N, C-alpha and C. Protein backbone atom coordinates (compact mmCIF):
# COMPACT_ATOMS: atom_id res chain seq x y z
N LYS A 1 164.28 -137.07 150.49
CA LYS A 1 164.52 -135.89 151.33
C LYS A 1 165.95 -135.38 151.16
N LYS A 2 166.92 -136.30 151.15
CA LYS A 2 168.32 -135.90 151.00
C LYS A 2 168.57 -135.25 149.64
N GLY A 3 167.91 -135.78 148.62
CA GLY A 3 168.05 -135.20 147.29
C GLY A 3 167.53 -133.78 147.23
N VAL A 4 166.40 -133.53 147.86
CA VAL A 4 165.82 -132.19 147.88
C VAL A 4 166.72 -131.23 148.65
N GLU A 5 167.25 -131.68 149.77
CA GLU A 5 168.15 -130.82 150.55
C GLU A 5 169.42 -130.51 149.77
N ALA A 6 169.87 -131.47 148.95
CA ALA A 6 171.05 -131.23 148.11
C ALA A 6 170.79 -130.11 147.11
N VAL A 7 169.58 -130.09 146.56
CA VAL A 7 169.22 -129.01 145.62
C VAL A 7 169.34 -127.66 146.31
N ARG A 8 168.87 -127.60 147.54
CA ARG A 8 168.91 -126.36 148.30
C ARG A 8 170.36 -125.99 148.68
N ASN A 9 171.07 -126.95 149.25
CA ASN A 9 172.39 -126.66 149.81
C ASN A 9 173.47 -126.45 148.75
N LEU A 10 173.32 -127.11 147.60
CA LEU A 10 174.30 -126.97 146.53
C LEU A 10 173.93 -125.86 145.55
N CYS A 11 172.85 -125.16 145.87
CA CYS A 11 172.38 -124.04 145.04
C CYS A 11 172.11 -124.46 143.60
N ILE A 12 171.56 -125.67 143.44
CA ILE A 12 171.13 -126.12 142.11
C ILE A 12 169.90 -125.31 141.73
N HIS A 13 169.92 -124.74 140.53
CA HIS A 13 168.85 -123.80 140.16
C HIS A 13 167.51 -124.47 139.96
N ALA A 14 167.51 -125.65 139.31
CA ALA A 14 166.23 -126.30 139.00
C ALA A 14 166.44 -127.78 138.72
N ILE A 15 165.41 -128.56 138.96
CA ILE A 15 165.43 -129.99 138.63
C ILE A 15 164.09 -130.40 138.05
N GLY A 16 164.11 -131.45 137.23
CA GLY A 16 162.88 -132.08 136.78
C GLY A 16 162.55 -133.24 137.71
N VAL A 17 161.28 -133.52 137.86
CA VAL A 17 160.82 -134.59 138.76
C VAL A 17 159.93 -135.53 137.96
N THR A 18 160.14 -136.83 138.12
CA THR A 18 159.32 -137.78 137.39
C THR A 18 158.80 -138.87 138.33
N ILE A 19 158.00 -139.77 137.78
CA ILE A 19 157.47 -140.89 138.55
C ILE A 19 158.63 -141.69 139.12
N PRO A 20 158.65 -142.13 140.38
CA PRO A 20 157.52 -142.13 141.32
C PRO A 20 157.56 -141.01 142.36
N PHE A 21 158.24 -139.91 142.05
CA PHE A 21 158.48 -138.88 143.07
C PHE A 21 157.60 -137.63 142.94
N LYS A 22 156.69 -137.60 141.97
CA LYS A 22 155.93 -136.38 141.71
C LYS A 22 155.06 -135.94 142.89
N ILE A 23 154.61 -136.89 143.66
CA ILE A 23 153.77 -136.57 144.82
C ILE A 23 154.59 -136.60 146.12
N SER A 24 155.45 -137.60 146.25
CA SER A 24 156.19 -137.78 147.50
C SER A 24 157.18 -136.65 147.78
N ILE A 25 157.57 -135.89 146.75
CA ILE A 25 158.50 -134.78 146.96
C ILE A 25 157.84 -133.57 147.63
N ILE A 26 156.54 -133.47 147.53
CA ILE A 26 155.83 -132.25 147.95
C ILE A 26 156.08 -131.83 149.41
N PRO A 27 156.07 -132.75 150.38
CA PRO A 27 156.28 -132.32 151.77
C PRO A 27 157.64 -131.67 152.02
N PHE A 28 158.60 -131.89 151.12
CA PHE A 28 159.95 -131.37 151.32
C PHE A 28 160.18 -130.04 150.61
N LEU A 29 159.15 -129.52 149.95
CA LEU A 29 159.26 -128.24 149.25
C LEU A 29 158.69 -127.12 150.11
N ASP A 30 159.08 -125.91 149.80
CA ASP A 30 158.62 -124.75 150.58
C ASP A 30 157.30 -124.19 150.07
N GLU A 31 157.05 -124.39 148.78
CA GLU A 31 155.87 -123.77 148.17
C GLU A 31 155.53 -124.50 146.88
N LEU A 32 154.26 -124.43 146.50
CA LEU A 32 153.81 -124.96 145.21
C LEU A 32 153.18 -123.83 144.42
N ASP A 33 153.40 -123.81 143.09
CA ASP A 33 152.70 -122.82 142.28
C ASP A 33 151.25 -123.27 142.10
N LYS A 34 150.45 -122.44 141.43
CA LYS A 34 149.02 -122.70 141.31
C LYS A 34 148.74 -124.05 140.67
N ASP A 35 149.45 -124.37 139.60
CA ASP A 35 149.19 -125.62 138.89
C ASP A 35 149.54 -126.83 139.74
N ALA A 36 150.70 -126.82 140.36
CA ALA A 36 151.12 -127.95 141.18
C ALA A 36 150.19 -128.14 142.37
N LYS A 37 149.73 -127.04 142.94
CA LYS A 37 148.86 -127.10 144.12
C LYS A 37 147.53 -127.78 143.79
N ARG A 38 146.91 -127.38 142.71
CA ARG A 38 145.59 -127.95 142.40
C ARG A 38 145.71 -129.35 141.78
N ILE A 39 146.81 -129.62 141.07
CA ILE A 39 147.01 -130.95 140.49
C ILE A 39 147.42 -131.94 141.57
N GLY A 40 148.19 -131.46 142.55
CA GLY A 40 148.65 -132.33 143.62
C GLY A 40 149.87 -133.14 143.24
N ALA A 41 150.62 -132.64 142.25
CA ALA A 41 151.84 -133.32 141.80
C ALA A 41 152.80 -132.29 141.22
N VAL A 42 154.08 -132.63 141.24
CA VAL A 42 155.14 -131.72 140.81
C VAL A 42 156.00 -132.39 139.75
N ASN A 43 156.35 -131.68 138.67
CA ASN A 43 157.32 -132.24 137.73
C ASN A 43 158.52 -131.31 137.51
N VAL A 44 158.55 -130.20 138.24
CA VAL A 44 159.69 -129.29 138.16
C VAL A 44 159.83 -128.56 139.50
N VAL A 45 161.08 -128.36 139.93
CA VAL A 45 161.36 -127.62 141.16
C VAL A 45 162.37 -126.52 140.85
N ILE A 46 162.05 -125.31 141.26
CA ILE A 46 162.94 -124.16 141.10
C ILE A 46 163.49 -123.77 142.47
N ASN A 47 164.80 -123.51 142.50
CA ASN A 47 165.44 -123.04 143.72
C ASN A 47 165.57 -121.53 143.64
N ASN A 48 164.71 -120.83 144.37
CA ASN A 48 164.69 -119.36 144.35
C ASN A 48 165.38 -118.85 145.62
N ASN A 49 166.71 -118.72 145.53
CA ASN A 49 167.51 -118.26 146.68
C ASN A 49 167.27 -119.10 147.93
N GLY A 50 167.27 -120.42 147.74
CA GLY A 50 167.09 -121.33 148.86
C GLY A 50 165.66 -121.72 149.13
N LYS A 51 164.72 -121.08 148.47
CA LYS A 51 163.30 -121.42 148.60
C LYS A 51 162.92 -122.34 147.44
N LEU A 52 162.49 -123.55 147.75
CA LEU A 52 162.18 -124.53 146.72
C LEU A 52 160.70 -124.49 146.37
N ILE A 53 160.44 -124.20 145.09
CA ILE A 53 159.07 -124.03 144.61
C ILE A 53 158.75 -125.10 143.57
N GLY A 54 157.70 -125.87 143.82
CA GLY A 54 157.29 -126.92 142.89
C GLY A 54 156.30 -126.42 141.87
N GLY A 55 156.44 -126.90 140.64
CA GLY A 55 155.51 -126.55 139.57
C GLY A 55 155.11 -127.78 138.79
N ASN A 56 154.20 -127.62 137.84
CA ASN A 56 153.76 -128.74 137.02
C ASN A 56 153.43 -128.26 135.62
N THR A 57 154.12 -128.81 134.62
CA THR A 57 153.90 -128.41 133.22
C THR A 57 153.21 -129.51 132.41
N ASP A 58 152.86 -130.62 133.04
CA ASP A 58 152.29 -131.76 132.30
C ASP A 58 151.00 -131.40 131.57
N GLY A 59 150.06 -130.81 132.29
CA GLY A 59 148.77 -130.50 131.69
C GLY A 59 148.87 -129.49 130.57
N LYS A 60 149.60 -128.42 130.83
CA LYS A 60 149.77 -127.38 129.80
C LYS A 60 150.50 -127.93 128.59
N GLY A 61 151.46 -128.84 128.84
CA GLY A 61 152.16 -129.47 127.72
C GLY A 61 151.22 -130.30 126.87
N GLY A 62 150.30 -131.01 127.53
CA GLY A 62 149.32 -131.80 126.79
C GLY A 62 148.40 -130.95 125.95
N VAL A 63 147.96 -129.83 126.50
CA VAL A 63 147.08 -128.93 125.76
C VAL A 63 147.82 -128.29 124.60
N ARG A 64 149.09 -127.95 124.79
CA ARG A 64 149.88 -127.39 123.68
C ARG A 64 149.97 -128.40 122.54
N ALA A 65 150.13 -129.67 122.90
CA ALA A 65 150.17 -130.72 121.88
C ALA A 65 148.84 -130.82 121.15
N LEU A 66 147.75 -130.77 121.88
CA LEU A 66 146.42 -130.80 121.27
C LEU A 66 146.22 -129.64 120.31
N LYS A 67 146.66 -128.46 120.74
CA LYS A 67 146.41 -127.25 119.96
C LYS A 67 147.23 -127.19 118.67
N GLU A 68 148.18 -128.11 118.50
CA GLU A 68 148.85 -128.23 117.21
C GLU A 68 147.88 -128.76 116.15
N LYS A 69 146.84 -129.46 116.61
CA LYS A 69 145.89 -130.09 115.69
C LYS A 69 144.49 -129.49 115.73
N THR A 70 144.11 -128.91 116.87
CA THR A 70 142.73 -128.42 117.01
C THR A 70 142.64 -127.38 118.11
N ALA A 71 141.64 -126.53 118.00
CA ALA A 71 141.33 -125.63 119.12
C ALA A 71 140.72 -126.46 120.25
N VAL A 72 140.83 -125.98 121.46
CA VAL A 72 140.25 -126.68 122.61
C VAL A 72 139.03 -125.92 123.14
N SER A 73 139.08 -124.61 123.07
CA SER A 73 137.99 -123.77 123.58
C SER A 73 136.66 -124.11 122.91
N GLY A 74 135.65 -124.38 123.73
CA GLY A 74 134.33 -124.66 123.20
C GLY A 74 134.14 -126.06 122.66
N LYS A 75 135.19 -126.87 122.66
CA LYS A 75 135.11 -128.23 122.12
C LYS A 75 134.69 -129.21 123.21
N LYS A 76 133.95 -130.23 122.79
CA LYS A 76 133.52 -131.29 123.71
C LYS A 76 134.66 -132.30 123.85
N VAL A 77 135.20 -132.38 125.06
CA VAL A 77 136.39 -133.20 125.32
C VAL A 77 136.04 -134.34 126.27
N ILE A 78 136.36 -135.57 125.86
CA ILE A 78 136.21 -136.73 126.74
C ILE A 78 137.60 -137.14 127.21
N LEU A 79 137.77 -137.21 128.52
CA LEU A 79 139.05 -137.61 129.12
C LEU A 79 138.86 -138.95 129.80
N LEU A 80 139.62 -139.95 129.35
CA LEU A 80 139.56 -141.29 129.94
C LEU A 80 140.61 -141.42 131.01
N GLY A 81 140.17 -141.71 132.24
CA GLY A 81 141.09 -141.86 133.35
C GLY A 81 140.91 -140.76 134.38
N ALA A 82 141.38 -141.05 135.61
CA ALA A 82 141.25 -140.07 136.69
C ALA A 82 142.48 -140.07 137.59
N GLY A 83 143.61 -140.54 137.05
CA GLY A 83 144.85 -140.58 137.81
C GLY A 83 145.61 -139.27 137.73
N GLY A 84 146.91 -139.33 138.02
CA GLY A 84 147.73 -138.13 138.06
C GLY A 84 147.80 -137.39 136.74
N ALA A 85 148.01 -138.13 135.64
CA ALA A 85 148.08 -137.49 134.33
C ALA A 85 146.73 -136.88 133.96
N ALA A 86 145.66 -137.60 134.27
CA ALA A 86 144.32 -137.09 133.98
C ALA A 86 144.06 -135.80 134.74
N ARG A 87 144.50 -135.75 135.97
CA ARG A 87 144.29 -134.56 136.81
C ARG A 87 144.95 -133.34 136.18
N ALA A 88 146.19 -133.50 135.74
CA ALA A 88 146.91 -132.39 135.11
C ALA A 88 146.21 -131.95 133.83
N LEU A 89 145.81 -132.91 133.01
CA LEU A 89 145.15 -132.58 131.75
C LEU A 89 143.78 -131.96 131.96
N ALA A 90 143.06 -132.44 132.96
CA ALA A 90 141.70 -131.93 133.22
C ALA A 90 141.72 -130.44 133.53
N PHE A 91 142.60 -130.02 134.42
CA PHE A 91 142.68 -128.60 134.76
C PHE A 91 143.11 -127.77 133.56
N ALA A 92 144.05 -128.29 132.77
CA ALA A 92 144.54 -127.54 131.61
C ALA A 92 143.46 -127.39 130.55
N VAL A 93 142.67 -128.44 130.32
CA VAL A 93 141.57 -128.37 129.35
C VAL A 93 140.52 -127.36 129.81
N LYS A 94 140.20 -127.38 131.09
CA LYS A 94 139.23 -126.42 131.63
C LYS A 94 139.75 -124.99 131.53
N ASP A 95 141.04 -124.81 131.74
CA ASP A 95 141.64 -123.48 131.60
C ASP A 95 141.48 -122.93 130.19
N GLU A 96 141.40 -123.85 129.21
CA GLU A 96 141.22 -123.46 127.81
C GLU A 96 139.75 -123.40 127.42
N ASP A 97 138.87 -123.53 128.41
CA ASP A 97 137.42 -123.48 128.18
C ASP A 97 136.90 -124.64 127.35
N GLY A 98 137.54 -125.80 127.49
CA GLY A 98 136.99 -127.00 126.87
C GLY A 98 135.81 -127.52 127.67
N GLU A 99 134.82 -128.10 126.98
CA GLU A 99 133.65 -128.69 127.66
C GLU A 99 134.00 -130.14 128.01
N LEU A 100 134.47 -130.33 129.23
CA LEU A 100 135.11 -131.58 129.63
C LEU A 100 134.17 -132.56 130.31
N THR A 101 134.32 -133.84 129.94
CA THR A 101 133.68 -134.95 130.65
C THR A 101 134.75 -135.98 130.98
N ILE A 102 134.82 -136.37 132.25
CA ILE A 102 135.81 -137.35 132.70
C ILE A 102 135.13 -138.70 132.89
N LEU A 103 135.63 -139.72 132.20
CA LEU A 103 135.09 -141.07 132.32
C LEU A 103 136.16 -142.00 132.88
N ASN A 104 135.78 -142.83 133.83
CA ASN A 104 136.76 -143.70 134.47
C ASN A 104 136.10 -145.01 134.89
N ARG A 105 136.91 -146.07 134.95
CA ARG A 105 136.37 -147.37 135.38
C ARG A 105 135.80 -147.27 136.79
N THR A 106 136.55 -146.63 137.69
CA THR A 106 136.05 -146.39 139.05
C THR A 106 135.35 -145.03 139.06
N ILE A 107 134.04 -145.05 139.07
CA ILE A 107 133.25 -143.83 138.88
C ILE A 107 133.50 -142.81 139.98
N SER A 108 133.69 -143.28 141.21
CA SER A 108 133.89 -142.35 142.33
C SER A 108 135.14 -141.49 142.12
N GLU A 109 136.17 -142.05 141.50
CA GLU A 109 137.39 -141.29 141.23
C GLU A 109 137.14 -140.22 140.16
N ALA A 110 136.35 -140.58 139.16
CA ALA A 110 135.98 -139.60 138.13
C ALA A 110 135.16 -138.48 138.74
N GLU A 111 134.25 -138.83 139.62
CA GLU A 111 133.40 -137.83 140.27
C GLU A 111 134.22 -136.88 141.14
N GLU A 112 135.20 -137.43 141.85
CA GLU A 112 136.04 -136.62 142.72
C GLU A 112 136.84 -135.60 141.91
N LEU A 113 137.44 -136.06 140.81
CA LEU A 113 138.21 -135.15 139.96
C LEU A 113 137.30 -134.13 139.29
N ALA A 114 136.15 -134.57 138.83
CA ALA A 114 135.21 -133.66 138.17
C ALA A 114 134.74 -132.56 139.11
N LYS A 115 134.57 -132.91 140.37
CA LYS A 115 134.17 -131.91 141.36
C LYS A 115 135.26 -130.85 141.53
N ALA A 116 136.51 -131.29 141.56
CA ALA A 116 137.64 -130.36 141.71
C ALA A 116 137.78 -129.44 140.51
N VAL A 117 137.50 -130.00 139.32
CA VAL A 117 137.69 -129.25 138.07
C VAL A 117 136.44 -128.49 137.67
N ASP A 118 135.28 -128.94 138.17
CA ASP A 118 133.97 -128.39 137.81
C ASP A 118 133.58 -128.79 136.39
N CYS A 119 133.37 -130.09 136.22
CA CYS A 119 132.95 -130.60 134.91
C CYS A 119 132.09 -131.84 135.11
N GLN A 120 131.72 -132.49 134.02
CA GLN A 120 130.88 -133.68 134.06
C GLN A 120 131.75 -134.93 134.24
N SER A 121 131.12 -136.01 134.72
CA SER A 121 131.85 -137.26 134.90
C SER A 121 130.92 -138.44 134.72
N GLY A 122 131.52 -139.63 134.65
CA GLY A 122 130.73 -140.85 134.53
C GLY A 122 131.62 -142.06 134.40
N GLY A 123 130.99 -143.21 134.14
CA GLY A 123 131.72 -144.45 133.95
C GLY A 123 132.04 -144.68 132.48
N LEU A 124 132.89 -145.67 132.21
CA LEU A 124 133.29 -145.95 130.83
C LEU A 124 132.11 -146.41 129.98
N ASP A 125 131.06 -146.90 130.62
CA ASP A 125 129.89 -147.34 129.86
C ASP A 125 129.15 -146.18 129.19
N GLU A 126 129.50 -144.96 129.56
CA GLU A 126 128.86 -143.79 128.94
C GLU A 126 129.54 -143.36 127.64
N LEU A 127 130.65 -144.00 127.31
CA LEU A 127 131.37 -143.66 126.08
C LEU A 127 130.46 -143.75 124.85
N ALA A 128 129.72 -144.84 124.75
CA ALA A 128 128.88 -145.06 123.57
C ALA A 128 127.88 -143.93 123.38
N LYS A 129 127.39 -143.39 124.47
CA LYS A 129 126.39 -142.32 124.40
C LYS A 129 127.02 -140.97 124.03
N LEU A 130 128.26 -140.74 124.47
CA LEU A 130 128.87 -139.42 124.34
C LEU A 130 129.76 -139.24 123.11
N MET A 131 130.26 -140.34 122.57
CA MET A 131 131.29 -140.22 121.53
C MET A 131 130.82 -139.55 120.24
N SER A 132 129.58 -139.74 119.87
CA SER A 132 129.11 -139.18 118.59
C SER A 132 129.16 -137.66 118.59
N ARG A 133 129.09 -137.05 119.78
CA ARG A 133 129.11 -135.58 119.86
C ARG A 133 130.47 -135.03 120.28
N ALA A 134 131.42 -135.92 120.54
CA ALA A 134 132.73 -135.49 121.03
C ALA A 134 133.60 -134.91 119.91
N ASP A 135 134.38 -133.91 120.26
CA ASP A 135 135.36 -133.33 119.33
C ASP A 135 136.77 -133.84 119.61
N ILE A 136 137.05 -134.10 120.89
CA ILE A 136 138.39 -134.52 121.31
C ILE A 136 138.25 -135.68 122.28
N LEU A 137 139.08 -136.71 122.08
CA LEU A 137 139.15 -137.85 123.00
C LEU A 137 140.59 -137.99 123.48
N ILE A 138 140.77 -138.04 124.80
CA ILE A 138 142.11 -138.19 125.38
C ILE A 138 142.15 -139.45 126.24
N ASN A 139 143.08 -140.36 125.92
CA ASN A 139 143.31 -141.50 126.79
C ASN A 139 144.46 -141.16 127.73
N SER A 140 144.15 -140.99 129.02
CA SER A 140 145.20 -140.69 129.99
C SER A 140 145.47 -141.88 130.90
N THR A 141 145.00 -143.07 130.49
CA THR A 141 145.27 -144.29 131.24
C THR A 141 146.47 -145.01 130.61
N SER A 142 146.87 -146.12 131.23
CA SER A 142 147.99 -146.90 130.69
C SER A 142 147.50 -148.01 129.76
N VAL A 143 146.21 -148.06 129.49
CA VAL A 143 145.66 -149.10 128.62
C VAL A 143 146.23 -148.96 127.21
N GLY A 144 146.80 -150.05 126.70
CA GLY A 144 147.43 -150.03 125.39
C GLY A 144 148.95 -149.97 125.45
N MET A 145 149.48 -149.79 126.65
CA MET A 145 150.94 -149.73 126.83
C MET A 145 151.55 -151.13 126.72
N ALA A 146 152.76 -151.21 126.17
CA ALA A 146 153.47 -152.49 126.09
C ALA A 146 153.62 -153.08 127.50
N PRO A 147 153.44 -154.39 127.66
CA PRO A 147 153.29 -155.38 126.59
C PRO A 147 151.85 -155.60 126.12
N ASP A 148 150.88 -154.91 126.72
CA ASP A 148 149.47 -155.14 126.38
C ASP A 148 149.03 -154.24 125.23
N ILE A 149 149.73 -154.37 124.10
CA ILE A 149 149.53 -153.42 123.00
C ILE A 149 148.23 -153.62 122.23
N ASN A 150 147.54 -154.72 122.47
CA ASN A 150 146.29 -154.96 121.75
C ASN A 150 145.06 -154.50 122.52
N LYS A 151 145.28 -153.83 123.63
CA LYS A 151 144.15 -153.37 124.45
C LYS A 151 143.77 -151.93 124.12
N THR A 152 142.50 -151.64 124.25
CA THR A 152 141.98 -150.28 124.09
C THR A 152 140.68 -150.16 124.87
N LEU A 153 140.38 -148.98 125.33
CA LEU A 153 139.12 -148.74 126.05
C LEU A 153 137.99 -148.35 125.12
N VAL A 154 138.32 -148.09 123.86
CA VAL A 154 137.35 -147.50 122.94
C VAL A 154 137.03 -148.44 121.78
N ASP A 155 135.78 -148.81 121.65
CA ASP A 155 135.33 -149.61 120.51
C ASP A 155 135.53 -148.79 119.24
N LYS A 156 136.19 -149.37 118.25
CA LYS A 156 136.51 -148.62 117.03
C LYS A 156 135.25 -148.11 116.32
N LYS A 157 134.11 -148.75 116.57
CA LYS A 157 132.86 -148.30 115.95
C LYS A 157 132.45 -146.91 116.45
N LEU A 158 132.99 -146.51 117.61
CA LEU A 158 132.62 -145.21 118.18
C LEU A 158 133.46 -144.07 117.62
N LEU A 159 134.57 -144.39 116.98
CA LEU A 159 135.45 -143.37 116.42
C LEU A 159 134.84 -142.81 115.14
N HIS A 160 135.04 -141.53 114.92
CA HIS A 160 134.45 -140.91 113.73
C HIS A 160 135.36 -139.81 113.18
N LYS A 161 135.27 -139.61 111.88
CA LYS A 161 136.07 -138.57 111.24
C LYS A 161 135.68 -137.21 111.83
N GLY A 162 136.67 -136.38 112.05
CA GLY A 162 136.42 -135.09 112.68
C GLY A 162 136.81 -135.09 114.15
N LEU A 163 137.03 -136.30 114.70
CA LEU A 163 137.47 -136.45 116.09
C LEU A 163 138.99 -136.32 116.15
N THR A 164 139.48 -135.63 117.17
CA THR A 164 140.92 -135.59 117.45
C THR A 164 141.18 -136.52 118.62
N VAL A 165 142.10 -137.46 118.43
CA VAL A 165 142.38 -138.49 119.44
C VAL A 165 143.81 -138.35 119.93
N MET A 166 143.95 -138.21 121.24
CA MET A 166 145.26 -138.10 121.88
C MET A 166 145.45 -139.28 122.83
N ASP A 167 146.64 -139.87 122.81
CA ASP A 167 146.96 -140.97 123.72
C ASP A 167 148.26 -140.64 124.42
N ILE A 168 148.27 -140.67 125.76
CA ILE A 168 149.50 -140.34 126.48
C ILE A 168 150.44 -141.54 126.61
N VAL A 169 150.02 -142.71 126.14
CA VAL A 169 150.90 -143.88 126.13
C VAL A 169 151.97 -143.67 125.07
N SER A 170 153.23 -143.83 125.47
CA SER A 170 154.34 -143.56 124.54
C SER A 170 155.00 -144.83 124.01
N ASN A 171 154.69 -145.98 124.61
CA ASN A 171 155.27 -147.24 124.16
C ASN A 171 154.17 -148.29 124.06
N PRO A 172 153.72 -148.57 122.83
CA PRO A 172 154.24 -148.10 121.54
C PRO A 172 153.78 -146.68 121.21
N ARG A 173 154.49 -146.04 120.30
CA ARG A 173 154.11 -144.67 119.93
C ARG A 173 152.71 -144.66 119.33
N GLU A 174 152.46 -145.60 118.42
CA GLU A 174 151.13 -145.69 117.82
C GLU A 174 150.38 -146.84 118.48
N THR A 175 149.55 -146.50 119.44
CA THR A 175 148.78 -147.51 120.17
C THR A 175 147.66 -148.06 119.30
N ARG A 176 147.02 -149.10 119.79
CA ARG A 176 145.88 -149.64 119.06
C ARG A 176 144.81 -148.57 118.88
N LEU A 177 144.56 -147.78 119.92
CA LEU A 177 143.58 -146.70 119.81
C LEU A 177 143.93 -145.75 118.67
N LEU A 178 145.19 -145.35 118.59
CA LEU A 178 145.59 -144.41 117.54
C LEU A 178 145.58 -145.06 116.16
N LYS A 179 145.94 -146.33 116.08
CA LYS A 179 145.89 -147.03 114.79
C LYS A 179 144.46 -147.07 114.26
N GLU A 180 143.53 -147.41 115.13
CA GLU A 180 142.13 -147.50 114.71
C GLU A 180 141.56 -146.13 114.40
N ALA A 181 142.00 -145.13 115.14
CA ALA A 181 141.55 -143.75 114.88
C ALA A 181 142.07 -143.26 113.53
N LYS A 182 143.29 -143.64 113.20
CA LYS A 182 143.87 -143.23 111.91
C LYS A 182 143.09 -143.82 110.74
N LYS A 183 142.67 -145.07 110.88
CA LYS A 183 141.91 -145.72 109.81
C LYS A 183 140.59 -145.02 109.53
N VAL A 184 140.01 -144.44 110.58
CA VAL A 184 138.73 -143.75 110.45
C VAL A 184 138.91 -142.34 109.88
N GLY A 185 140.12 -141.80 110.00
CA GLY A 185 140.37 -140.44 109.52
C GLY A 185 140.43 -139.40 110.61
N CYS A 186 140.58 -139.85 111.86
CA CYS A 186 140.71 -138.91 112.98
C CYS A 186 142.07 -138.21 112.93
N GLN A 187 142.15 -137.04 113.54
CA GLN A 187 143.43 -136.39 113.76
C GLN A 187 144.08 -137.05 114.98
N LEU A 188 145.39 -137.28 114.90
CA LEU A 188 146.10 -137.99 115.96
C LEU A 188 147.06 -137.06 116.70
N VAL A 189 147.13 -137.23 118.02
CA VAL A 189 148.11 -136.52 118.84
C VAL A 189 148.87 -137.58 119.63
N PHE A 190 150.17 -137.69 119.35
CA PHE A 190 151.00 -138.71 119.97
C PHE A 190 151.58 -138.22 121.30
N ALA A 191 151.93 -139.19 122.15
CA ALA A 191 152.45 -138.87 123.49
C ALA A 191 153.74 -138.06 123.43
N ASP A 192 154.55 -138.27 122.39
CA ASP A 192 155.82 -137.54 122.34
C ASP A 192 155.63 -136.04 122.12
N ARG A 193 154.47 -135.64 121.59
CA ARG A 193 154.21 -134.20 121.45
C ARG A 193 153.95 -133.57 122.82
N MET A 194 153.24 -134.30 123.68
CA MET A 194 153.03 -133.83 125.05
C MET A 194 154.37 -133.75 125.79
N LEU A 195 155.20 -134.78 125.59
CA LEU A 195 156.53 -134.80 126.21
C LEU A 195 157.35 -133.60 125.77
N LEU A 196 157.30 -133.30 124.47
CA LEU A 196 158.04 -132.14 123.95
C LEU A 196 157.57 -130.85 124.60
N TRP A 197 156.27 -130.61 124.60
CA TRP A 197 155.77 -129.31 125.05
C TRP A 197 155.88 -129.11 126.56
N GLN A 198 155.75 -130.20 127.34
CA GLN A 198 155.98 -130.00 128.78
C GLN A 198 157.45 -129.71 129.02
N GLY A 199 158.33 -130.27 128.18
CA GLY A 199 159.75 -129.97 128.28
C GLY A 199 160.08 -128.55 127.86
N VAL A 200 159.39 -128.08 126.82
CA VAL A 200 159.57 -126.69 126.37
C VAL A 200 159.20 -125.73 127.50
N LEU A 201 158.09 -126.00 128.15
CA LEU A 201 157.65 -125.14 129.25
C LEU A 201 158.63 -125.21 130.43
N LYS A 202 159.16 -126.40 130.69
CA LYS A 202 160.18 -126.55 131.73
C LYS A 202 161.42 -125.72 131.41
N PHE A 203 161.85 -125.79 130.16
CA PHE A 203 163.06 -125.07 129.75
C PHE A 203 162.93 -123.58 130.03
N LYS A 204 161.76 -123.04 129.72
CA LYS A 204 161.55 -121.60 129.96
C LYS A 204 161.58 -121.29 131.46
N ILE A 205 161.02 -122.19 132.26
CA ILE A 205 161.06 -122.01 133.71
C ILE A 205 162.51 -122.06 134.20
N TYR A 206 163.28 -123.01 133.67
CA TYR A 206 164.67 -123.17 134.08
C TYR A 206 165.52 -121.94 133.75
N THR A 207 165.32 -121.42 132.53
CA THR A 207 166.26 -120.43 131.99
C THR A 207 165.72 -119.02 131.87
N GLY A 208 164.40 -118.90 131.77
CA GLY A 208 163.81 -117.58 131.56
C GLY A 208 163.89 -117.10 130.13
N ILE A 209 164.37 -117.97 129.22
CA ILE A 209 164.47 -117.58 127.81
C ILE A 209 163.60 -118.50 126.96
N GLU A 210 163.32 -118.05 125.73
CA GLU A 210 162.49 -118.84 124.83
C GLU A 210 163.22 -120.12 124.43
N PRO A 211 162.57 -121.26 124.53
CA PRO A 211 163.22 -122.54 124.25
C PRO A 211 163.51 -122.74 122.76
N PRO A 212 164.58 -123.48 122.44
CA PRO A 212 164.88 -123.83 121.05
C PRO A 212 164.04 -125.04 120.63
N VAL A 213 162.80 -124.79 120.28
CA VAL A 213 161.84 -125.88 120.06
C VAL A 213 162.32 -126.84 118.97
N GLU A 214 162.86 -126.31 117.87
CA GLU A 214 163.29 -127.18 116.77
C GLU A 214 164.42 -128.11 117.22
N VAL A 215 165.33 -127.59 118.01
CA VAL A 215 166.43 -128.41 118.53
C VAL A 215 165.89 -129.50 119.45
N MET A 216 164.93 -129.14 120.28
CA MET A 216 164.34 -130.12 121.20
C MET A 216 163.55 -131.18 120.45
N GLU A 217 162.90 -130.80 119.36
CA GLU A 217 162.17 -131.77 118.54
C GLU A 217 163.12 -132.79 117.94
N LYS A 218 164.25 -132.31 117.44
CA LYS A 218 165.23 -133.22 116.83
C LYS A 218 165.80 -134.18 117.87
N ALA A 219 165.96 -133.70 119.11
CA ALA A 219 166.50 -134.53 120.18
C ALA A 219 165.55 -135.67 120.53
N LEU A 220 164.25 -135.44 120.34
CA LEU A 220 163.27 -136.49 120.60
C LEU A 220 163.31 -137.57 119.53
């Protein structure tokens, strides 16, 4: 609360927000933009003459990363997970007219998110049935993150050439899922591309000018 009031009182123009404050900051803001409101989380705050407005660029950043490798519109997209990152990505994929299915270990959470987004949902046991027709697979869970680098939710037998696989786990950069996808010939989308593009979108919000994408890429 004190940090948010400092932004207001010191006339700080904008701040980035990260875990664990993306949700807890919301009660202290004056307004949320459309994305932050439906996602239920904030990763950027703008001070508009003392009025603090929360926004969220995570989902759009993820879709921008995907679109470096493939179109999203009309593609069959499987999203693994139903947490905060999944929520941001789900709305962004639907905004791009992707045919989305959300699969999660806890089915009720997948159903709840799918209802909000207006898409299909199910349990992880449905992966085997759906993967052969999928165009894009996104892992938005922490499975595969260090130190558990040998874990994956996806049997490598289900991966196929022509599939684009994105993993939001950044440590390690190349997760087991991505390593196995590479061997099959899938297109890969690494977590650092999502990090870059959500930062690019933040920069434009902060400054109102086009971001120096090449400079930001080198900084990563």
